[in-house]
């Protein structure tokens, strides 16, 4: 069903985030008990135009649920808080590249960039992402 598939998407996204975040935290210095460090996540979705905007909305909601669930748990990422920065690719490979550049070149530094989810946009962004030592 639709609800089960959204739960699966959320769970997959949580596992993906968990893997990346744990690896990053292992290399960061320890935080103090009262300090909360915000880890920023960039995401590229085709939200406003094209046939995939409804699917992108579903992916975005699943990612937001995963981030919310992680932030609400006291036993996961103690001393850290996730914040997602969302950019709309407008179902356009050129615009996806523009938004990718915005994510990597403007503060705050992103721990990871998730997306784009559409093949033409992925094909445009993937070769560029390698220049920032990002997983493509």
N, C-alpha and C. Protein backbone atom coordinates (compact mmCIF):
# COMPACT_ATOMS: atom_id res chain seq x y z
N UNK A 1 0.83 -1.18 0.00
CA UNK A 1 0.00 0.00 0.00
C UNK A 1 0.87 1.25 0.00
N UNK A 2 0.20 2.37 -0.20
CA UNK A 2 0.90 3.65 -0.28
C UNK A 2 1.60 3.98 1.04
N UNK A 3 0.92 3.77 2.15
CA UNK A 3 1.49 4.09 3.47
C UNK A 3 2.70 3.21 3.76
N UNK A 4 2.61 1.93 3.43
CA UNK A 4 3.74 1.02 3.65
C UNK A 4 4.93 1.42 2.81
N UNK A 5 4.70 1.83 1.56
CA UNK A 5 5.82 2.22 0.71
C UNK A 5 6.48 3.50 1.23
N UNK A 6 5.70 4.43 1.77
CA UNK A 6 6.27 5.65 2.35
C UNK A 6 7.08 5.32 3.60
N UNK A 7 6.61 4.38 4.40
CA UNK A 7 7.37 3.96 5.57
C UNK A 7 8.68 3.31 5.16
N UNK A 8 8.65 2.51 4.09
CA UNK A 8 9.87 1.88 3.60
C UNK A 8 10.85 2.93 3.11
N UNK A 9 10.35 3.94 2.35
CA UNK A 9 11.22 5.01 1.87
C UNK A 9 11.85 5.74 3.04
N UNK A 10 11.05 6.04 4.07
CA UNK A 10 11.56 6.74 5.24
C UNK A 10 12.63 5.90 5.93
N UNK A 11 12.38 4.61 6.09
CA UNK A 11 13.34 3.73 6.76
C UNK A 11 14.64 3.62 5.96
N UNK A 12 14.55 3.54 4.64
CA UNK A 12 15.75 3.49 3.81
C UNK A 12 16.54 4.79 3.94
N UNK A 13 15.83 5.90 3.95
CA UNK A 13 16.50 7.19 4.08
C UNK A 13 17.16 7.31 5.45
N UNK A 14 16.50 6.83 6.51
CA UNK A 14 17.08 6.85 7.85
C UNK A 14 18.38 6.05 7.87
N UNK A 15 18.35 4.85 7.29
CA UNK A 15 19.57 4.03 7.26
C UNK A 15 20.69 4.70 6.48
N UNK A 16 20.35 5.31 5.36
CA UNK A 16 21.33 6.03 4.55
C UNK A 16 21.94 7.17 5.36
N UNK A 17 21.09 7.98 5.99
CA UNK A 17 21.58 9.09 6.80
C UNK A 17 22.43 8.59 7.96
N UNK A 18 21.96 7.54 8.61
CA UNK A 18 22.67 6.99 9.75
C UNK A 18 24.09 6.59 9.35
N UNK A 19 24.24 5.92 8.25
CA UNK A 19 25.55 5.47 7.78
C UNK A 19 26.48 6.66 7.53
N UNK A 20 26.02 7.65 6.80
CA UNK A 20 26.83 8.81 6.47
C UNK A 20 27.18 9.60 7.73
N UNK A 21 26.20 9.80 8.58
CA UNK A 21 26.41 10.63 9.77
C UNK A 21 27.38 9.97 10.74
N UNK A 22 27.23 8.69 10.96
CA UNK A 22 28.14 7.99 11.87
C UNK A 22 29.58 8.10 11.38
N UNK A 23 29.78 7.93 10.09
CA UNK A 23 31.14 8.04 9.56
C UNK A 23 31.70 9.44 9.78
N UNK A 24 30.86 10.45 9.61
CA UNK A 24 31.32 11.83 9.79
C UNK A 24 31.61 12.12 11.25
N UNK A 25 30.74 11.67 12.13
CA UNK A 25 30.91 11.94 13.55
C UNK A 25 32.18 11.31 14.09
N UNK A 26 32.55 10.16 13.57
CA UNK A 26 33.76 9.51 14.03
C UNK A 26 34.99 10.40 13.82
N UNK A 27 34.92 11.30 12.85
CA UNK A 27 36.05 12.18 12.55
C UNK A 27 35.92 13.56 13.18
N UNK A 28 34.80 13.84 13.80
CA UNK A 28 34.62 15.14 14.43
C UNK A 28 35.02 15.07 15.89
N UNK A 29 35.35 16.20 16.44
CA UNK A 29 35.71 16.23 17.85
C UNK A 29 34.46 16.04 18.71
N UNK A 30 34.68 15.62 19.94
CA UNK A 30 33.57 15.39 20.86
C UNK A 30 32.89 16.71 21.18
N UNK A 31 31.57 16.66 21.35
CA UNK A 31 30.84 17.87 21.70
C UNK A 31 30.56 17.87 23.19
N UNK A 32 30.36 19.04 23.75
CA UNK A 32 30.04 19.17 25.16
C UNK A 32 28.57 18.87 25.39
N UNK A 33 28.21 18.52 26.63
CA UNK A 33 26.86 18.08 26.96
C UNK A 33 25.80 19.12 26.61
N UNK A 34 26.10 20.41 26.77
CA UNK A 34 25.09 21.45 26.54
C UNK A 34 25.09 21.98 25.12
N UNK A 35 26.08 21.63 24.32
CA UNK A 35 26.16 22.14 22.95
C UNK A 35 25.49 21.19 21.99
N UNK A 36 24.71 21.75 21.10
CA UNK A 36 24.08 20.99 20.04
C UNK A 36 24.73 21.42 18.73
N UNK A 37 25.28 20.47 18.01
CA UNK A 37 25.89 20.74 16.72
C UNK A 37 24.88 20.41 15.64
N UNK A 38 24.64 21.34 14.75
CA UNK A 38 23.71 21.11 13.66
C UNK A 38 24.47 20.55 12.46
N UNK A 39 23.97 19.45 11.93
CA UNK A 39 24.51 18.83 10.73
C UNK A 39 23.55 19.14 9.59
N UNK A 40 24.04 19.76 8.54
CA UNK A 40 23.18 20.19 7.45
C UNK A 40 23.20 19.18 6.32
N UNK A 41 22.02 18.90 5.80
CA UNK A 41 21.85 17.97 4.69
C UNK A 41 21.25 18.73 3.52
N UNK A 42 21.86 18.63 2.35
CA UNK A 42 21.30 19.25 1.16
C UNK A 42 20.47 18.24 0.40
N UNK A 43 19.41 18.71 -0.24
CA UNK A 43 18.59 17.80 -1.04
C UNK A 43 18.08 18.51 -2.28
N UNK A 44 18.04 17.76 -3.37
CA UNK A 44 17.60 18.27 -4.67
C UNK A 44 16.40 17.45 -5.13
N UNK A 45 15.26 18.11 -5.27
CA UNK A 45 14.03 17.44 -5.71
C UNK A 45 13.36 18.26 -6.80
N UNK A 46 12.67 17.58 -7.73
CA UNK A 46 11.88 18.25 -8.76
C UNK A 46 10.50 18.52 -8.17
N UNK A 47 10.34 19.65 -7.50
CA UNK A 47 9.12 19.91 -6.73
C UNK A 47 8.06 20.70 -7.47
N UNK A 48 8.45 21.61 -8.36
CA UNK A 48 7.48 22.55 -8.88
C UNK A 48 6.99 22.27 -10.29
N UNK A 49 7.70 21.51 -11.06
CA UNK A 49 7.31 21.32 -12.45
C UNK A 49 7.55 19.88 -12.87
N UNK A 50 6.88 19.47 -13.93
CA UNK A 50 7.13 18.16 -14.52
C UNK A 50 6.30 17.05 -13.90
N UNK A 51 6.37 15.92 -14.56
CA UNK A 51 5.56 14.76 -14.16
C UNK A 51 5.99 14.18 -12.83
N UNK A 52 7.22 14.41 -12.42
CA UNK A 52 7.75 13.77 -11.22
C UNK A 52 7.56 14.60 -9.96
N UNK A 53 6.86 15.72 -10.05
CA UNK A 53 6.75 16.57 -8.87
C UNK A 53 5.99 15.88 -7.74
N UNK A 54 4.99 15.08 -8.06
CA UNK A 54 4.24 14.37 -7.01
C UNK A 54 5.12 13.32 -6.35
N UNK A 55 5.89 12.59 -7.13
CA UNK A 55 6.81 11.60 -6.57
C UNK A 55 7.86 12.30 -5.71
N UNK A 56 8.37 13.43 -6.19
CA UNK A 56 9.37 14.19 -5.43
C UNK A 56 8.79 14.66 -4.10
N UNK A 57 7.53 15.07 -4.11
CA UNK A 57 6.88 15.48 -2.86
C UNK A 57 6.87 14.32 -1.87
N UNK A 58 6.61 13.10 -2.37
CA UNK A 58 6.61 11.93 -1.51
C UNK A 58 7.99 11.63 -0.95
N UNK A 59 9.02 11.72 -1.81
CA UNK A 59 10.40 11.51 -1.35
C UNK A 59 10.78 12.56 -0.30
N UNK A 60 10.40 13.80 -0.57
CA UNK A 60 10.72 14.88 0.37
C UNK A 60 10.03 14.64 1.71
N UNK A 61 8.76 14.25 1.69
CA UNK A 61 8.05 13.99 2.94
C UNK A 61 8.69 12.83 3.70
N UNK A 62 9.11 11.79 2.99
CA UNK A 62 9.78 10.66 3.64
C UNK A 62 11.10 11.11 4.27
N UNK A 63 11.86 11.94 3.56
CA UNK A 63 13.13 12.44 4.10
C UNK A 63 12.88 13.33 5.31
N UNK A 64 11.86 14.18 5.24
CA UNK A 64 11.55 15.05 6.37
C UNK A 64 11.11 14.23 7.59
N UNK A 65 10.35 13.17 7.37
CA UNK A 65 9.95 12.30 8.48
C UNK A 65 11.17 11.64 9.10
N UNK A 66 12.10 11.19 8.26
CA UNK A 66 13.31 10.54 8.77
C UNK A 66 14.13 11.52 9.61
N UNK A 67 14.31 12.74 9.12
CA UNK A 67 15.06 13.75 9.87
C UNK A 67 14.36 14.06 11.18
N UNK A 68 13.05 14.23 11.13
CA UNK A 68 12.28 14.51 12.35
C UNK A 68 12.41 13.36 13.36
N UNK A 69 12.29 12.12 12.87
CA UNK A 69 12.41 10.96 13.76
C UNK A 69 13.79 10.89 14.42
N UNK A 70 14.82 11.14 13.65
CA UNK A 70 16.18 11.11 14.20
C UNK A 70 16.36 12.23 15.23
N UNK A 71 15.88 13.43 14.90
CA UNK A 71 16.03 14.56 15.82
C UNK A 71 15.25 14.36 17.11
N UNK A 72 14.13 13.64 17.05
CA UNK A 72 13.30 13.42 18.24
C UNK A 72 13.81 12.32 19.14
N UNK A 73 14.71 11.50 18.65
CA UNK A 73 15.24 10.39 19.46
C UNK A 73 16.41 10.89 20.29
N UNK A 74 16.44 10.50 21.55
CA UNK A 74 17.52 10.89 22.45
C UNK A 74 18.69 9.92 22.38
N UNK A 75 18.47 8.73 21.82
CA UNK A 75 19.53 7.71 21.76
C UNK A 75 20.27 7.70 20.42
N UNK A 76 19.89 8.57 19.51
CA UNK A 76 20.56 8.67 18.21
C UNK A 76 21.14 10.07 18.08
N UNK A 77 22.40 10.15 17.75
CA UNK A 77 23.07 11.42 17.50
C UNK A 77 22.95 12.39 18.67
N UNK A 78 23.21 11.91 19.86
CA UNK A 78 23.16 12.77 21.04
C UNK A 78 24.14 13.93 20.85
N UNK A 79 23.64 15.13 21.04
CA UNK A 79 24.47 16.32 20.87
C UNK A 79 24.45 16.87 19.45
N UNK A 80 23.68 16.23 18.57
CA UNK A 80 23.59 16.67 17.18
C UNK A 80 22.13 16.86 16.78
N UNK A 81 21.93 17.71 15.82
CA UNK A 81 20.60 17.95 15.25
C UNK A 81 20.75 18.03 13.74
N UNK A 82 19.85 17.37 13.03
CA UNK A 82 19.88 17.41 11.56
C UNK A 82 18.98 18.53 11.06
N UNK A 83 19.43 19.19 10.01
CA UNK A 83 18.60 20.19 9.35
C UNK A 83 18.75 19.99 7.85
N UNK A 84 17.61 19.90 7.16
CA UNK A 84 17.63 19.64 5.73
C UNK A 84 17.40 20.96 4.96
N UNK A 85 18.25 21.20 3.98
CA UNK A 85 18.12 22.35 3.09
C UNK A 85 17.66 21.81 1.74
N UNK A 86 16.48 22.22 1.32
CA UNK A 86 15.83 21.67 0.13
C UNK A 86 15.93 22.66 -1.02
N UNK A 87 16.30 22.16 -2.18
CA UNK A 87 16.33 22.97 -3.40
C UNK A 87 15.48 22.29 -4.47
N UNK A 88 14.77 23.10 -5.24
CA UNK A 88 13.88 22.62 -6.30
C UNK A 88 14.65 22.63 -7.63
N UNK A 89 14.72 21.46 -8.28
CA UNK A 89 15.42 21.37 -9.57
C UNK A 89 14.51 21.71 -10.75
N UNK A 90 13.23 21.87 -10.49
CA UNK A 90 12.24 22.24 -11.51
C UNK A 90 12.20 21.27 -12.70
N UNK A 91 12.61 20.03 -12.45
CA UNK A 91 12.60 19.00 -13.50
C UNK A 91 13.44 19.42 -14.69
N UNK A 92 14.55 20.11 -14.42
CA UNK A 92 15.39 20.67 -15.46
C UNK A 92 16.85 20.40 -15.10
N UNK A 93 17.58 19.65 -15.94
CA UNK A 93 18.98 19.33 -15.63
C UNK A 93 19.85 20.57 -15.41
N UNK A 94 19.66 21.60 -16.20
CA UNK A 94 20.46 22.82 -16.03
C UNK A 94 20.18 23.48 -14.69
N UNK A 95 18.92 23.51 -14.33
CA UNK A 95 18.56 24.11 -13.05
C UNK A 95 19.05 23.23 -11.89
N UNK A 96 19.07 21.91 -12.09
CA UNK A 96 19.60 21.01 -11.06
C UNK A 96 21.08 21.31 -10.81
N UNK A 97 21.84 21.55 -11.87
CA UNK A 97 23.26 21.90 -11.73
C UNK A 97 23.40 23.22 -10.99
N UNK A 98 22.57 24.20 -11.33
CA UNK A 98 22.60 25.50 -10.66
C UNK A 98 22.33 25.34 -9.17
N UNK A 99 21.31 24.56 -8.82
CA UNK A 99 20.98 24.38 -7.41
C UNK A 99 22.03 23.55 -6.68
N UNK A 100 22.65 22.61 -7.38
CA UNK A 100 23.76 21.87 -6.78
C UNK A 100 24.89 22.83 -6.43
N UNK A 101 25.26 23.71 -7.36
CA UNK A 101 26.31 24.69 -7.09
C UNK A 101 25.93 25.57 -5.90
N UNK A 102 24.66 25.96 -5.81
CA UNK A 102 24.21 26.76 -4.66
C UNK A 102 24.42 26.00 -3.35
N UNK A 103 24.10 24.71 -3.35
CA UNK A 103 24.26 23.92 -2.13
C UNK A 103 25.72 23.79 -1.70
N UNK A 104 26.61 23.54 -2.66
CA UNK A 104 28.01 23.31 -2.30
C UNK A 104 28.78 24.61 -2.07
N UNK A 105 28.30 25.71 -2.59
CA UNK A 105 29.09 26.95 -2.51
C UNK A 105 28.60 27.94 -1.46
N UNK A 106 27.45 27.71 -0.86
CA UNK A 106 26.95 28.64 0.14
C UNK A 106 26.93 27.99 1.51
N UNK A 107 27.26 28.77 2.55
CA UNK A 107 27.19 28.22 3.90
C UNK A 107 25.73 27.95 4.29
N UNK A 108 25.55 27.08 5.22
CA UNK A 108 26.52 26.27 5.94
C UNK A 108 26.96 25.08 5.10
N UNK A 109 28.10 24.48 5.49
CA UNK A 109 28.60 23.31 4.78
C UNK A 109 27.64 22.15 4.98
N UNK A 110 27.35 21.44 3.90
CA UNK A 110 26.43 20.31 3.96
C UNK A 110 27.20 19.02 4.18
N UNK A 111 26.67 18.19 5.06
CA UNK A 111 27.27 16.89 5.35
C UNK A 111 27.10 15.97 4.16
N UNK A 112 25.95 16.04 3.52
CA UNK A 112 25.69 15.25 2.33
C UNK A 112 24.69 15.99 1.46
N UNK A 113 24.65 15.62 0.21
CA UNK A 113 23.65 16.15 -0.71
C UNK A 113 22.92 14.96 -1.31
N UNK A 114 21.62 14.94 -1.11
CA UNK A 114 20.77 13.84 -1.56
C UNK A 114 20.01 14.30 -2.79
N UNK A 115 20.12 13.54 -3.89
CA UNK A 115 19.41 13.88 -5.10
C UNK A 115 20.40 14.40 -6.14
N UNK A 116 19.90 14.79 -7.25
CA UNK A 116 18.52 14.79 -7.70
C UNK A 116 18.01 13.37 -7.95
N UNK A 117 16.69 13.23 -8.03
CA UNK A 117 16.13 11.90 -8.15
C UNK A 117 15.79 11.51 -9.59
N UNK A 118 15.80 12.45 -10.50
CA UNK A 118 15.46 12.16 -11.90
C UNK A 118 16.72 11.90 -12.72
N UNK A 119 16.66 10.92 -13.59
CA UNK A 119 17.85 10.52 -14.37
C UNK A 119 18.50 11.65 -15.14
N UNK A 120 17.76 12.47 -15.91
CA UNK A 120 18.45 13.54 -16.65
C UNK A 120 19.19 14.51 -15.73
N UNK A 121 18.60 14.83 -14.60
CA UNK A 121 19.26 15.73 -13.65
C UNK A 121 20.46 15.05 -13.00
N UNK A 122 20.32 13.77 -12.70
CA UNK A 122 21.45 13.01 -12.13
C UNK A 122 22.62 12.98 -13.10
N UNK A 123 22.32 12.77 -14.37
CA UNK A 123 23.37 12.70 -15.38
C UNK A 123 24.09 14.04 -15.51
N UNK A 124 23.39 15.14 -15.25
CA UNK A 124 24.02 16.46 -15.33
C UNK A 124 24.84 16.77 -14.08
N UNK A 125 24.35 16.37 -12.91
CA UNK A 125 25.00 16.72 -11.64
C UNK A 125 26.14 15.78 -11.29
N UNK A 126 26.01 14.50 -11.61
CA UNK A 126 26.98 13.49 -11.17
C UNK A 126 28.42 13.79 -11.58
N UNK A 127 28.71 14.14 -12.83
CA UNK A 127 30.12 14.41 -13.17
C UNK A 127 30.69 15.62 -12.43
N UNK A 128 29.84 16.58 -12.13
CA UNK A 128 30.29 17.78 -11.42
C UNK A 128 30.56 17.47 -9.96
N UNK A 129 29.73 16.61 -9.36
CA UNK A 129 29.87 16.28 -7.95
C UNK A 129 31.23 15.68 -7.62
N UNK A 130 31.83 15.00 -8.57
CA UNK A 130 33.13 14.37 -8.33
C UNK A 130 34.22 15.39 -8.00
N UNK A 131 34.06 16.63 -8.45
CA UNK A 131 35.05 17.66 -8.15
C UNK A 131 35.03 18.10 -6.69
N UNK A 132 33.96 17.77 -5.98
CA UNK A 132 33.85 18.09 -4.55
C UNK A 132 34.05 16.84 -3.70
N UNK A 133 34.57 15.79 -4.29
CA UNK A 133 34.79 14.52 -3.59
C UNK A 133 33.51 14.00 -2.95
N UNK A 134 32.42 14.12 -3.68
CA UNK A 134 31.14 13.63 -3.19
C UNK A 134 30.83 12.28 -3.81
N UNK A 135 30.09 11.48 -3.09
CA UNK A 135 29.64 10.19 -3.63
C UNK A 135 28.59 10.46 -4.68
N UNK A 136 28.76 9.85 -5.86
CA UNK A 136 27.80 10.07 -6.93
C UNK A 136 27.11 8.78 -7.30
